[in-house]
């Protein structure tokens, strides 16, 4: 394992459930020498990516928050989607999510809770979740290369969250083929009981799926207007894709003008 891989592995250990790690715990978790773990943790502390909260104990550092702000404040995707998400929440009162695929997991980029929505506690901005059980995740996997899907299954598995969760690799692959063909995905209580979602892909100027947009709706309300929710979210995702294309064209024009 290279030094960079060790640093990444260390940062991956920190989570909401386990926000604090000691030198000894990192050493054991990663199977590296205690002296190596100590040196890497101290270096990350000096750079601001970690902070030592007491002797030998570390938490995520504030530099991560600063970089997060740079990312979100300068991302054309997030800025463009923001307007559409606001409109969706105001008009329909349901929870809207924007997410991307990162190392085989769904990472939530934006979340707005609607006026009539139940609170979805597990999907806060920055949260990473398994991809196989959500509408967002299925859209992102369906538009990813096959080897990415194979790697996700191998590394993360297909854990069961409800009786409806797809846990068989071949069933998942068939579902992803269907999602790719139809241009949207459903989560019919596959992650949380009594919560349904419909998601659609967002494409950049090169036709690459860079994110997915979804409605999250209580099951009883979703079943009453499933087709309507689907049509609204697919249309909204298309509008964001078009705006991303125009943003890239405008950016190219500005670069040529300033050259």
C-alpha atoms as a PDB file:
ATOM      1  CA  UNK A   1       0.000   0.000   0.000  1.00  0.00           C
ATOM      2  CA  UNK A   2       1.457   3.364  -1.065  1.00  0.00           C
ATOM      3  CA  UNK A   3       1.635   6.341   1.299  1.00  0.00           C
ATOM      4  CA  UNK A   4      -1.228   8.024  -0.559  1.00  0.00           C
ATOM      5  CA  UNK A   5      -3.363   4.888  -0.267  1.00  0.00           C
ATOM      6  CA  UNK A   6      -2.615   4.736   3.460  1.00  0.00           C
ATOM      7  CA  UNK A   7      -3.651   8.380   3.895  1.00  0.00           C
ATOM      8  CA  UNK A   8      -6.890   7.752   2.002  1.00  0.00           C
ATOM      9  CA  UNK A   9      -7.569   4.633   4.049  1.00  0.00           C
ATOM     10  CA  UNK A  10      -7.050   6.602   7.269  1.00  0.00           C
ATOM     11  CA  UNK A  11      -9.468   9.330   6.236  1.00  0.00           C
ATOM     12  CA  UNK A  12     -12.018   6.680   5.219  1.00  0.00           C
ATOM     13  CA  UNK A  13     -12.064   5.368   8.787  1.00  0.00           C
ATOM     14  CA  UNK A  14     -13.727   8.513  10.118  1.00  0.00           C
ATOM     15  CA  UNK A  15     -17.506   8.517  10.055  1.00  0.00           C
ATOM     16  CA  UNK A  16     -20.512   9.904  11.897  1.00  0.00           C
ATOM     17  CA  UNK A  17     -20.777   6.621  13.768  1.00  0.00           C
ATOM     18  CA  UNK A  18     -17.037   6.556  14.569  1.00  0.00           C
ATOM     19  CA  UNK A  19     -15.677  10.142  14.514  1.00  0.00           C
ATOM     20  CA  UNK A  20     -12.631   9.558  16.718  1.00  0.00           C
ATOM     21  CA  UNK A  21      -9.648   7.241  16.254  1.00  0.00           C
ATOM     22  CA  UNK A  22      -6.447   6.607  18.169  1.00  0.00           C
ATOM     23  CA  UNK A  23      -3.042   5.688  16.770  1.00  0.00           C
ATOM     24  CA  UNK A  24      -3.396   2.134  18.018  1.00  0.00           C
ATOM     25  CA  UNK A  25      -6.890   1.745  16.562  1.00  0.00           C
ATOM     26  CA  UNK A  26      -5.769   3.024  13.145  1.00  0.00           C
ATOM     27  CA  UNK A  27      -2.782   0.695  13.220  1.00  0.00           C
ATOM     28  CA  UNK A  28      -4.982  -2.309  13.942  1.00  0.00           C
ATOM     29  CA  UNK A  29      -7.749  -1.369  11.507  1.00  0.00           C
ATOM     30  CA  UNK A  30      -5.390  -0.926   8.553  1.00  0.00           C
ATOM     31  CA  UNK A  31      -2.801  -3.519   9.472  1.00  0.00           C
ATOM     32  CA  UNK A  32       0.084  -1.052   9.449  1.00  0.00           C
ATOM     33  CA  UNK A  33       2.856  -0.439  11.952  1.00  0.00           C
ATOM     34  CA  UNK A  34       1.968   1.770  14.904  1.00  0.00           C
ATOM     35  CA  UNK A  35       4.905   4.062  14.096  1.00  0.00           C
ATOM     36  CA  UNK A  36       3.615   4.458  10.515  1.00  0.00           C
ATOM     37  CA  UNK A  37       0.095   5.238  11.718  1.00  0.00           C
ATOM     38  CA  UNK A  38       1.450   7.757  14.212  1.00  0.00           C
ATOM     39  CA  UNK A  39       3.529   9.544  11.589  1.00  0.00           C
ATOM     40  CA  UNK A  40       0.674   9.749   9.090  1.00  0.00           C
ATOM     41  CA  UNK A  41      -1.807  10.979  11.697  1.00  0.00           C
ATOM     42  CA  UNK A  42       0.615  13.670  12.856  1.00  0.00           C
ATOM     43  CA  UNK A  43       1.200  14.798   9.257  1.00  0.00           C
ATOM     44  CA  UNK A  44      -2.534  14.980   8.569  1.00  0.00           C
ATOM     45  CA  UNK A  45      -2.924  16.961  11.800  1.00  0.00           C
ATOM     46  CA  UNK A  46      -0.243  19.450  10.728  1.00  0.00           C
ATOM     47  CA  UNK A  47      -1.954  19.891   7.341  1.00  0.00           C
ATOM     48  CA  UNK A  48      -5.361  20.459   8.942  1.00  0.00           C
ATOM     49  CA  UNK A  49      -7.080  17.365   7.575  1.00  0.00           C
ATOM     50  CA  UNK A  50      -7.187  15.899  11.080  1.00  0.00           C
ATOM     51  CA  UNK A  51      -7.062  17.459  14.530  1.00  0.00           C
ATOM     52  CA  UNK A  52      -5.728  15.920  17.721  1.00  0.00           C
ATOM     53  CA  UNK A  53      -8.472  16.353  20.295  1.00  0.00           C
ATOM     54  CA  UNK A  54      -6.531  14.717  23.121  1.00  0.00           C
ATOM     55  CA  UNK A  55      -3.347  12.720  23.419  1.00  0.00           C
ATOM     56  CA  UNK A  56      -3.318  10.065  20.714  1.00  0.00           C
ATOM     57  CA  UNK A  57      -6.912  10.712  19.611  1.00  0.00           C
ATOM     58  CA  UNK A  58      -7.841  12.342  16.304  1.00  0.00           C
ATOM     59  CA  UNK A  59     -10.916  13.725  14.561  1.00  0.00           C
ATOM     60  CA  UNK A  60     -11.512  15.239  11.104  1.00  0.00           C
ATOM     61  CA  UNK A  61      -9.910  18.696  10.819  1.00  0.00           C
ATOM     62  CA  UNK A  62     -11.485  21.973   9.792  1.00  0.00           C
ATOM     63  CA  UNK A  63      -9.543  22.129   6.534  1.00  0.00           C
ATOM     64  CA  UNK A  64     -11.974  19.535   5.193  1.00  0.00           C
ATOM     65  CA  UNK A  65     -14.844  21.953   5.827  1.00  0.00           C
ATOM     66  CA  UNK A  66     -12.992  24.739   4.011  1.00  0.00           C
ATOM     67  CA  UNK A  67     -12.395  22.522   0.978  1.00  0.00           C
ATOM     68  CA  UNK A  68     -16.017  21.388   1.062  1.00  0.00           C
ATOM     69  CA  UNK A  69     -17.149  25.002   0.843  1.00  0.00           C
ATOM     70  CA  UNK A  70     -14.881  25.604  -2.158  1.00  0.00           C
ATOM     71  CA  UNK A  71     -16.316  22.531  -3.868  1.00  0.00           C
ATOM     72  CA  UNK A  72     -19.969  23.380  -3.309  1.00  0.00           C
ATOM     73  CA  UNK A  73     -19.610  27.131  -3.963  1.00  0.00           C
ATOM     74  CA  UNK A  74     -17.824  26.609  -7.291  1.00  0.00           C
ATOM     75  CA  UNK A  75     -19.562  23.522  -8.697  1.00  0.00           C
ATOM     76  CA  UNK A  76     -21.677  24.374 -11.758  1.00  0.00           C
ATOM     77  CA  UNK A  77     -23.711  21.200 -11.148  1.00  0.00           C
ATOM     78  CA  UNK A  78     -24.685  22.173  -7.605  1.00  0.00           C
ATOM     79  CA  UNK A  79     -25.359  25.802  -8.507  1.00  0.00           C
ATOM     80  CA  UNK A  80     -27.495  24.957 -11.532  1.00  0.00           C
ATOM     81  CA  UNK A  81     -29.408  22.191  -9.760  1.00  0.00           C
ATOM     82  CA  UNK A  82     -30.108  24.498  -6.804  1.00  0.00           C
ATOM     83  CA  UNK A  83     -32.660  26.543  -8.754  1.00  0.00           C
ATOM     84  CA  UNK A  84     -34.529  23.500 -10.038  1.00  0.00           C
ATOM     85  CA  UNK A  85     -34.551  21.841  -6.627  1.00  0.00           C
ATOM     86  CA  UNK A  86     -36.003  24.967  -5.022  1.00  0.00           C
ATOM     87  CA  UNK A  87     -38.743  25.049  -7.642  1.00  0.00           C
ATOM     88  CA  UNK A  88     -39.595  21.364  -7.145  1.00  0.00           C
ATOM     89  CA  UNK A  89     -39.859  21.688  -3.366  1.00  0.00           C
ATOM     90  CA  UNK A  90     -42.000  24.820  -3.563  1.00  0.00           C
ATOM     91  CA  UNK A  91     -44.353  23.327  -6.142  1.00  0.00           C
ATOM     92  CA  UNK A  92     -44.719  19.750  -4.878  1.00  0.00           C
ATOM     93  CA  UNK A  93     -43.718  19.877  -1.216  1.00  0.00           C
ATOM     94  CA  UNK A  94     -41.730  16.619  -1.382  1.00  0.00           C
ATOM     95  CA  UNK A  95     -38.125  15.876  -0.418  1.00  0.00           C
ATOM     96  CA  UNK A  96     -35.650  16.277  -3.293  1.00  0.00           C
ATOM     97  CA  UNK A  97     -32.146  14.806  -3.409  1.00  0.00           C
ATOM     98  CA  UNK A  98     -29.170  15.375  -5.693  1.00  0.00           C
ATOM     99  CA  UNK A  99     -26.410  12.766  -5.550  1.00  0.00           C
ATOM    100  CA  UNK A 100     -23.344  11.469  -7.352  1.00  0.00           C
ATOM    101  CA  UNK A 101     -21.416   8.204  -7.411  1.00  0.00           C
ATOM    102  CA  UNK A 102     -18.124   8.239  -5.521  1.00  0.00           C
ATOM    103  CA  UNK A 103     -15.989   5.102  -5.215  1.00  0.00           C
ATOM    104  CA  UNK A 104     -19.035   2.941  -5.669  1.00  0.00           C
ATOM    105  CA  UNK A 105     -21.192   4.714  -3.085  1.00  0.00           C
ATOM    106  CA  UNK A 106     -23.933   7.309  -3.402  1.00  0.00           C
ATOM    107  CA  UNK A 107     -22.789  10.644  -1.965  1.00  0.00           C
ATOM    108  CA  UNK A 108     -25.514  13.224  -1.337  1.00  0.00           C
ATOM    109  CA  UNK A 109     -24.748  16.663  -2.796  1.00  0.00           C
ATOM    110  CA  UNK A 110     -27.999  18.428  -1.912  1.00  0.00           C
ATOM    111  CA  UNK A 111     -31.150  17.704   0.026  1.00  0.00           C
ATOM    112  CA  UNK A 112     -34.303  19.790   0.506  1.00  0.00           C
ATOM    113  CA  UNK A 113     -37.149  18.616   2.671  1.00  0.00           C
ATOM    114  CA  UNK A 114     -40.598  19.590   1.512  1.00  0.00           C
ATOM    115  CA  UNK A 115     -43.507  21.013   3.422  1.00  0.00           C
ATOM    116  CA  UNK A 116     -45.468  17.759   3.457  1.00  0.00           C
ATOM    117  CA  UNK A 117     -42.572  15.340   3.545  1.00  0.00           C
ATOM    118  CA  UNK A 118     -41.551  12.945   6.258  1.00  0.00           C
ATOM    119  CA  UNK A 119     -38.009  13.522   7.467  1.00  0.00           C
ATOM    120  CA  UNK A 120     -35.425  11.249   5.817  1.00  0.00           C
ATOM    121  CA  UNK A 121     -32.705  11.220   8.463  1.00  0.00           C
ATOM    122  CA  UNK A 122     -30.117   9.069   6.679  1.00  0.00           C
ATOM    123  CA  UNK A 123     -29.590  11.264   3.596  1.00  0.00           C
ATOM    124  CA  UNK A 124     -27.954  14.460   4.809  1.00  0.00           C
ATOM    125  CA  UNK A 125     -25.530  16.296   2.510  1.00  0.00           C
ATOM    126  CA  UNK A 126     -22.181  14.513   2.461  1.00  0.00           C
ATOM    127  CA  UNK A 127     -23.624  11.172   3.544  1.00  0.00           C
ATOM    128  CA  UNK A 128     -22.465   8.101   1.618  1.00  0.00           C
ATOM    129  CA  UNK A 129     -24.820   5.131   1.247  1.00  0.00           C
ATOM    130  CA  UNK A 130     -24.967   1.848  -0.658  1.00  0.00           C
ATOM    131  CA  UNK A 131     -26.013   2.329  -4.274  1.00  0.00           C
ATOM    132  CA  UNK A 132     -27.990  -0.836  -5.042  1.00  0.00           C
ATOM    133  CA  UNK A 133     -31.074  -0.092  -2.951  1.00  0.00           C
ATOM    134  CA  UNK A 134     -31.961   3.503  -3.894  1.00  0.00           C
ATOM    135  CA  UNK A 135     -33.399   5.091  -7.009  1.00  0.00           C
ATOM    136  CA  UNK A 136     -30.458   7.484  -7.100  1.00  0.00           C
ATOM    137  CA  UNK A 137     -27.946   4.684  -6.787  1.00  0.00           C
ATOM    138  CA  UNK A 138     -29.579   2.530  -9.444  1.00  0.00           C
ATOM    139  CA  UNK A 139     -29.604   5.440 -11.902  1.00  0.00           C
ATOM    140  CA  UNK A 140     -25.924   6.146 -11.234  1.00  0.00           C
ATOM    141  CA  UNK A 141     -24.916   2.488 -11.533  1.00  0.00           C
ATOM    142  CA  UNK A 142     -27.027   1.985 -14.665  1.00  0.00           C
ATOM    143  CA  UNK A 143     -25.101   4.755 -16.389  1.00  0.00           C
ATOM    144  CA  UNK A 144     -21.687   3.586 -15.179  1.00  0.00           C
ATOM    145  CA  UNK A 145     -19.438   1.117 -17.052  1.00  0.00           C
ATOM    146  CA  UNK A 146     -20.083  -2.559 -16.315  1.00  0.00           C
ATOM    147  CA  UNK A 147     -16.729  -2.997 -14.586  1.00  0.00           C
ATOM    148  CA  UNK A 148     -17.729  -0.286 -12.094  1.00  0.00           C
ATOM    149  CA  UNK A 149     -20.880  -2.221 -11.211  1.00  0.00           C
ATOM    150  CA  UNK A 150     -18.849  -5.420 -10.823  1.00  0.00           C
ATOM    151  CA  UNK A 151     -16.428  -3.631  -8.494  1.00  0.00           C
ATOM    152  CA  UNK A 152     -19.267  -2.188  -6.407  1.00  0.00           C
ATOM    153  CA  UNK A 153     -20.759  -5.645  -5.913  1.00  0.00           C
ATOM    154  CA  UNK A 154     -17.365  -7.107  -5.027  1.00  0.00           C
ATOM    155  CA  UNK A 155     -16.269  -4.364  -2.628  1.00  0.00           C
ATOM    156  CA  UNK A 156     -19.504  -3.267  -0.997  1.00  0.00           C
ATOM    157  CA  UNK A 157     -21.775  -6.260  -1.425  1.00  0.00           C
ATOM    158  CA  UNK A 158     -25.562  -6.088  -1.692  1.00  0.00           C
ATOM    159  CA  UNK A 159     -26.795  -5.936   1.911  1.00  0.00           C
ATOM    160  CA  UNK A 160     -30.501  -6.282   2.613  1.00  0.00           C
ATOM    161  CA  UNK A 161     -32.255  -3.292   4.199  1.00  0.00           C
ATOM    162  CA  UNK A 162     -35.883  -4.326   3.680  1.00  0.00           C
ATOM    163  CA  UNK A 163     -37.726  -7.289   2.188  1.00  0.00           C
ATOM    164  CA  UNK A 164     -37.720  -5.463  -1.160  1.00  0.00           C
ATOM    165  CA  UNK A 165     -33.958  -4.856  -1.396  1.00  0.00           C
ATOM    166  CA  UNK A 166     -32.284  -6.472  -4.405  1.00  0.00           C
ATOM    167  CA  UNK A 167     -29.499  -8.697  -3.034  1.00  0.00           C
ATOM    168  CA  UNK A 168     -28.839 -10.965  -6.031  1.00  0.00           C
ATOM    169  CA  UNK A 169     -26.150  -9.691  -8.464  1.00  0.00           C
ATOM    170  CA  UNK A 170     -27.926 -10.967 -11.573  1.00  0.00           C
ATOM    171  CA  UNK A 171     -31.228  -9.415 -10.522  1.00  0.00           C
ATOM    172  CA  UNK A 172     -29.439  -6.139  -9.919  1.00  0.00           C
ATOM    173  CA  UNK A 173     -27.767  -6.212 -13.339  1.00  0.00           C
ATOM    174  CA  UNK A 174     -31.123  -6.892 -14.997  1.00  0.00           C
ATOM    175  CA  UNK A 175     -32.668  -4.024 -13.042  1.00  0.00           C
ATOM    176  CA  UNK A 176     -29.858  -1.685 -14.108  1.00  0.00           C
ATOM    177  CA  UNK A 177     -30.346  -2.628 -17.772  1.00  0.00           C
ATOM    178  CA  UNK A 178     -34.029  -1.749 -17.405  1.00  0.00           C
ATOM    179  CA  UNK A 179     -33.198   1.551 -15.688  1.00  0.00           C
ATOM    180  CA  UNK A 180     -30.737   2.492 -18.433  1.00  0.00           C
ATOM    181  CA  UNK A 181     -33.306   1.758 -21.142  1.00  0.00           C
ATOM    182  CA  UNK A 182     -36.205   3.631 -19.526  1.00  0.00           C
ATOM    183  CA  UNK A 183     -34.223   6.587 -18.193  1.00  0.00           C
ATOM    184  CA  UNK A 184     -35.364   6.482 -14.560  1.00  0.00           C
ATOM    185  CA  UNK A 185     -35.346   4.242 -11.490  1.00  0.00           C
ATOM    186  CA  UNK A 186     -37.688   3.480  -8.635  1.00  0.00           C
ATOM    187  CA  UNK A 187     -36.960   2.621  -5.032  1.00  0.00           C
ATOM    188  CA  UNK A 188     -40.164   1.026  -3.796  1.00  0.00           C
ATOM    189  CA  UNK A 189     -39.336   0.634  -0.130  1.00  0.00           C
ATOM    190  CA  UNK A 190     -35.947  -0.944  -0.832  1.00  0.00           C
ATOM    191  CA  UNK A 191     -33.910   1.230   1.542  1.00  0.00           C
ATOM    192  CA  UNK A 192     -36.517   2.262   4.102  1.00  0.00           C
ATOM    193  CA  UNK A 193     -39.903   0.705   4.677  1.00  0.00           C
ATOM    194  CA  UNK A 194     -42.804   2.881   3.549  1.00  0.00           C
ATOM    195  CA  UNK A 195     -40.579   5.323   1.636  1.00  0.00           C
ATOM    196  CA  UNK A 196     -40.519   5.393  -2.173  1.00  0.00           C
ATOM    197  CA  UNK A 197     -38.306   7.308  -4.581  1.00  0.00           C
ATOM    198  CA  UNK A 198     -38.051   7.988  -8.277  1.00  0.00           C
ATOM    199  CA  UNK A 199     -34.756   9.198  -9.731  1.00  0.00           C
ATOM    200  CA  UNK A 200     -33.456  10.328 -13.114  1.00  0.00           C
ATOM    201  CA  UNK A 201     -29.950  10.947 -14.496  1.00  0.00           C
ATOM    202  CA  UNK A 202     -28.251  14.301 -14.974  1.00  0.00           C
ATOM    203  CA  UNK A 203     -25.767  14.411 -17.871  1.00  0.00           C
ATOM    204  CA  UNK A 204     -22.912  16.818 -18.570  1.00  0.00           C
ATOM    205  CA  UNK A 205     -21.968  18.313 -21.942  1.00  0.00           C
ATOM    206  CA  UNK A 206     -20.148  15.102 -22.913  1.00  0.00           C
ATOM    207  CA  UNK A 207     -23.171  12.921 -22.254  1.00  0.00           C
ATOM    208  CA  UNK A 208     -21.693  11.479 -19.057  1.00  0.00           C
ATOM    209  CA  UNK A 209     -24.042  10.884 -16.124  1.00  0.00           C
ATOM    210  CA  UNK A 210     -22.580  13.080 -13.391  1.00  0.00           C
ATOM    211  CA  UNK A 211     -25.448  13.000 -10.903  1.00  0.00           C
ATOM    212  CA  UNK A 212     -29.001  11.863 -10.254  1.00  0.00           C
ATOM    213  CA  UNK A 213     -32.048  13.767  -9.038  1.00  0.00           C
ATOM    214  CA  UNK A 214     -34.877  12.234  -7.030  1.00  0.00           C
ATOM    215  CA  UNK A 215     -38.165  12.680  -5.217  1.00  0.00           C
ATOM    216  CA  UNK A 216     -38.526  10.843  -1.895  1.00  0.00           C
ATOM    217  CA  UNK A 217     -42.186  10.331  -1.018  1.00  0.00           C
ATOM    218  CA  UNK A 218     -44.099   8.328   1.607  1.00  0.00           C
ATOM    219  CA  UNK A 219     -45.325   5.120  -0.013  1.00  0.00           C
ATOM    220  CA  UNK A 220     -49.034   5.791   0.437  1.00  0.00           C
ATOM    221  CA  UNK A 221     -48.735   9.135  -1.373  1.00  0.00           C
ATOM    222  CA  UNK A 222     -46.305   7.872  -4.004  1.00  0.00           C
ATOM    223  CA  UNK A 223     -48.584   5.071  -5.171  1.00  0.00           C
ATOM    224  CA  UNK A 224     -51.396   7.540  -5.802  1.00  0.00           C
ATOM    225  CA  UNK A 225     -49.363   9.564  -8.317  1.00  0.00           C
ATOM    226  CA  UNK A 226     -46.357   7.432  -9.293  1.00  0.00           C
ATOM    227  CA  UNK A 227     -46.416   8.361 -12.988  1.00  0.00           C
ATOM    228  CA  UNK A 228     -46.767  12.059 -12.203  1.00  0.00           C
ATOM    229  CA  UNK A 229     -43.772  12.038  -9.852  1.00  0.00           C
ATOM    230  CA  UNK A 230     -41.765  10.158 -12.488  1.00  0.00           C
ATOM    231  CA  UNK A 231     -42.606  12.641 -15.235  1.00  0.00           C
ATOM    232  CA  UNK A 232     -41.767  15.647 -13.078  1.00  0.00           C
ATOM    233  CA  UNK A 233     -38.389  14.330 -11.914  1.00  0.00           C
ATOM    234  CA  UNK A 234     -37.263  13.144 -15.354  1.00  0.00           C
ATOM    235  CA  UNK A 235     -38.188  16.503 -16.864  1.00  0.00           C
ATOM    236  CA  UNK A 236     -36.333  18.360 -14.090  1.00  0.00           C
ATOM    237  CA  UNK A 237     -33.213  16.231 -14.581  1.00  0.00           C
ATOM    238  CA  UNK A 238     -33.297  16.952 -18.324  1.00  0.00           C
ATOM    239  CA  UNK A 239     -33.532  20.694 -17.652  1.00  0.00           C
ATOM    240  CA  UNK A 240     -30.476  20.560 -15.402  1.00  0.00           C
ATOM    241  CA  UNK A 241     -28.588  18.593 -18.083  1.00  0.00           C
ATOM    242  CA  UNK A 242     -29.442  21.230 -20.700  1.00  0.00           C
ATOM    243  CA  UNK A 243     -28.296  24.024 -18.396  1.00  0.00           C
ATOM    244  CA  UNK A 244     -25.033  22.186 -17.748  1.00  0.00           C
ATOM    245  CA  UNK A 245     -24.490  21.979 -21.509  1.00  0.00           C
ATOM    246  CA  UNK A 246     -25.112  25.703 -21.917  1.00  0.00           C
ATOM    247  CA  UNK A 247     -22.809  26.460 -18.982  1.00  0.00           C
ATOM    248  CA  UNK A 248     -19.996  24.520 -20.630  1.00  0.00           C
ATOM    249  CA  UNK A 249     -20.580  26.283 -23.958  1.00  0.00           C
ATOM    250  CA  UNK A 250     -20.526  29.671 -22.212  1.00  0.00           C
ATOM    251  CA  UNK A 251     -17.359  28.696 -20.344  1.00  0.00           C
ATOM    252  CA  UNK A 252     -15.629  27.721 -23.585  1.00  0.00           C
ATOM    253  CA  UNK A 253     -16.648  31.015 -25.156  1.00  0.00           C
ATOM    254  CA  UNK A 254     -15.254  32.957 -22.177  1.00  0.00           C
ATOM    255  CA  UNK A 255     -11.969  31.049 -22.326  1.00  0.00           C
ATOM    256  CA  UNK A 256     -11.590  31.737 -26.055  1.00  0.00           C
ATOM    257  CA  UNK A 257     -12.401  35.400 -25.533  1.00  0.00           C
ATOM    258  CA  UNK A 258      -9.816  35.791 -22.776  1.00  0.00           C
ATOM    259  CA  UNK A 259      -7.105  33.881 -24.668  1.00  0.00           C
END
